[in-house]
Each structure stands twice: as structure tokens, then as C-alpha cells.
């Protein structure tokens, strides 16, 4: 089942707070991926924080993205409101 990401908020320690089209809010930990290509190109916090949503998933410049299925399946539900501060 494909569930689109509709909003992403970068958090400290390479975490992403995500809002999905089905209304769920989830947190995804990018740290395990940052040693692998292509995600090793976003290991700088300044670059990581420039994440955005495009076509239902999260993307960074330089054609770095991650499948929405992975974001959903490997994230945890968050109950607290998503905070926009870093």
C-alpha cells in the first residue's frame, strides 16, 4: 500500500517528522542510512535540514530521496504535535 507523505519536518539527530496522506504522524530515523549511498551526501545537518516533499516522498537536492513505503514501514507513530523548531 502506497501512502504519500504530505509534509516533512527535519528534527535534531537526523530524525524526520512526517505527515502522511492518511492523517498519521510518524517519526523516521535517518541515522542508519547515512553511511550508505546516496544518503551519505546528506550527512551534514545543514544539507539534511533542506528536505522537502515532492511527489509523495521526501527529497533532497542532488536526486537524493527515500521511498515512501520505507518511510512509513520503518517509522514510529508520534502522538505529540509536530514541532517546527530544530
C-alpha atoms as a PDB file:
ATOM      1  CA  UNK A   1       0.000   0.000   0.000  1.00  0.00           C
ATOM      2  CA  UNK A   2       1.417   3.353  -1.052  1.00  0.00           C
ATOM      3  CA  UNK A   3       0.813   6.200   1.380  1.00  0.00           C
ATOM      4  CA  UNK A   4       2.036   9.607   0.286  1.00  0.00           C
ATOM      5  CA  UNK A   5       3.980  11.927   2.533  1.00  0.00           C
ATOM      6  CA  UNK A   6       2.308  15.350   2.596  1.00  0.00           C
ATOM      7  CA  UNK A   7       4.683  17.185   4.982  1.00  0.00           C
ATOM      8  CA  UNK A   8       8.158  16.692   6.423  1.00  0.00           C
ATOM      9  CA  UNK A   9       9.908  18.440   9.292  1.00  0.00           C
ATOM     10  CA  UNK A  10      13.608  17.832   9.989  1.00  0.00           C
ATOM     11  CA  UNK A  11      14.478  17.211  13.637  1.00  0.00           C
ATOM     12  CA  UNK A  12      17.761  17.030  15.565  1.00  0.00           C
ATOM     13  CA  UNK A  13      19.864  13.869  15.251  1.00  0.00           C
ATOM     14  CA  UNK A  14      18.761  13.211  11.671  1.00  0.00           C
ATOM     15  CA  UNK A  15      15.152  12.469  12.541  1.00  0.00           C
ATOM     16  CA  UNK A  16      12.243  13.307  10.250  1.00  0.00           C
ATOM     17  CA  UNK A  17       8.739  14.034  11.465  1.00  0.00           C
ATOM     18  CA  UNK A  18       6.344  13.045   8.717  1.00  0.00           C
ATOM     19  CA  UNK A  19       2.687  13.638   7.970  1.00  0.00           C
ATOM     20  CA  UNK A  20       1.076  11.076   5.700  1.00  0.00           C
ATOM     21  CA  UNK A  21      -1.975  11.420   3.486  1.00  0.00           C
ATOM     22  CA  UNK A  22      -3.886   9.002   5.735  1.00  0.00           C
ATOM     23  CA  UNK A  23      -3.544  11.501   8.619  1.00  0.00           C
ATOM     24  CA  UNK A  24      -0.848   9.643  10.540  1.00  0.00           C
ATOM     25  CA  UNK A  25       2.148  11.444  12.032  1.00  0.00           C
ATOM     26  CA  UNK A  26       5.301   9.365  12.231  1.00  0.00           C
ATOM     27  CA  UNK A  27       8.994   9.787  13.067  1.00  0.00           C
ATOM     28  CA  UNK A  28      11.721   8.272  10.878  1.00  0.00           C
ATOM     29  CA  UNK A  29      15.348   7.879  11.962  1.00  0.00           C
ATOM     30  CA  UNK A  30      17.721   8.527   9.054  1.00  0.00           C
ATOM     31  CA  UNK A  31      20.907   7.705  11.013  1.00  0.00           C
ATOM     32  CA  UNK A  32      21.186   4.031   9.919  1.00  0.00           C
ATOM     33  CA  UNK A  33      21.113   5.107   6.259  1.00  0.00           C
ATOM     34  CA  UNK A  34      23.659   7.925   6.402  1.00  0.00           C
ATOM     35  CA  UNK A  35      26.663   5.643   5.838  1.00  0.00           C
ATOM     36  CA  UNK A  36      25.175   4.325   2.576  1.00  0.00           C
ATOM     37  CA  UNK A  37      24.884   5.859  -0.877  1.00  0.00           C
ATOM     38  CA  UNK A  38      23.150   8.117  -1.802  1.00  0.00           C
ATOM     39  CA  UNK A  39      22.230   9.229   1.737  1.00  0.00           C
ATOM     40  CA  UNK A  40      25.877   9.764   2.715  1.00  0.00           C
ATOM     41  CA  UNK A  41      25.571  13.014   0.726  1.00  0.00           C
ATOM     42  CA  UNK A  42      23.116  14.481   3.283  1.00  0.00           C
ATOM     43  CA  UNK A  43      25.140  13.747   6.431  1.00  0.00           C
ATOM     44  CA  UNK A  44      25.714  17.462   7.064  1.00  0.00           C
ATOM     45  CA  UNK A  45      22.923  18.864   9.270  1.00  0.00           C
ATOM     46  CA  UNK A  46      22.728  21.954   7.039  1.00  0.00           C
ATOM     47  CA  UNK A  47      22.035  19.778   3.998  1.00  0.00           C
ATOM     48  CA  UNK A  48      19.777  17.348   5.865  1.00  0.00           C
ATOM     49  CA  UNK A  49      17.563  20.211   7.026  1.00  0.00           C
ATOM     50  CA  UNK A  50      16.828  21.214   3.400  1.00  0.00           C
ATOM     51  CA  UNK A  51      14.462  18.271   3.000  1.00  0.00           C
ATOM     52  CA  UNK A  52      11.171  18.775   1.183  1.00  0.00           C
ATOM     53  CA  UNK A  53       8.225  16.784  -0.162  1.00  0.00           C
ATOM     54  CA  UNK A  54       7.942  16.011  -3.859  1.00  0.00           C
ATOM     55  CA  UNK A  55       5.563  13.535  -5.473  1.00  0.00           C
ATOM     56  CA  UNK A  56       4.578  11.972  -2.158  1.00  0.00           C
ATOM     57  CA  UNK A  57       8.014  11.346  -0.690  1.00  0.00           C
ATOM     58  CA  UNK A  58      10.884  13.248   0.909  1.00  0.00           C
ATOM     59  CA  UNK A  59      13.696  14.569  -1.255  1.00  0.00           C
ATOM     60  CA  UNK A  60      16.938  16.491  -1.037  1.00  0.00           C
ATOM     61  CA  UNK A  61      18.841  18.248  -3.808  1.00  0.00           C
ATOM     62  CA  UNK A  62      21.078  16.077  -5.961  1.00  0.00           C
ATOM     63  CA  UNK A  63      18.404  13.421  -6.583  1.00  0.00           C
ATOM     64  CA  UNK A  64      18.518  12.037  -3.042  1.00  0.00           C
ATOM     65  CA  UNK A  65      15.213  10.598  -1.878  1.00  0.00           C
ATOM     66  CA  UNK A  66      13.733   7.689   0.009  1.00  0.00           C
ATOM     67  CA  UNK A  67      10.732   5.525  -0.837  1.00  0.00           C
ATOM     68  CA  UNK A  68       7.518   6.475   0.967  1.00  0.00           C
ATOM     69  CA  UNK A  69       6.960   2.792   1.787  1.00  0.00           C
ATOM     70  CA  UNK A  70      10.266   2.720   3.662  1.00  0.00           C
ATOM     71  CA  UNK A  71       9.437   5.944   5.456  1.00  0.00           C
ATOM     72  CA  UNK A  72       6.114   4.522   6.585  1.00  0.00           C
ATOM     73  CA  UNK A  73       7.179   0.961   7.405  1.00  0.00           C
ATOM     74  CA  UNK A  74      10.340   1.942   9.312  1.00  0.00           C
ATOM     75  CA  UNK A  75       8.917   4.854  11.292  1.00  0.00           C
ATOM     76  CA  UNK A  76       7.102   5.071  14.601  1.00  0.00           C
ATOM     77  CA  UNK A  77       3.831   6.806  15.347  1.00  0.00           C
ATOM     78  CA  UNK A  78       4.159  10.083  17.202  1.00  0.00           C
ATOM     79  CA  UNK A  79       1.270  11.327  19.306  1.00  0.00           C
ATOM     80  CA  UNK A  80       2.585  14.738  20.247  1.00  0.00           C
ATOM     81  CA  UNK A  81       2.062  17.640  17.864  1.00  0.00           C
ATOM     82  CA  UNK A  82       4.818  18.041  15.297  1.00  0.00           C
ATOM     83  CA  UNK A  83       7.118  20.888  16.301  1.00  0.00           C
ATOM     84  CA  UNK A  84       8.608  23.083  13.618  1.00  0.00           C
ATOM     85  CA  UNK A  85      11.675  24.051  15.635  1.00  0.00           C
ATOM     86  CA  UNK A  86      15.030  22.294  15.363  1.00  0.00           C
END
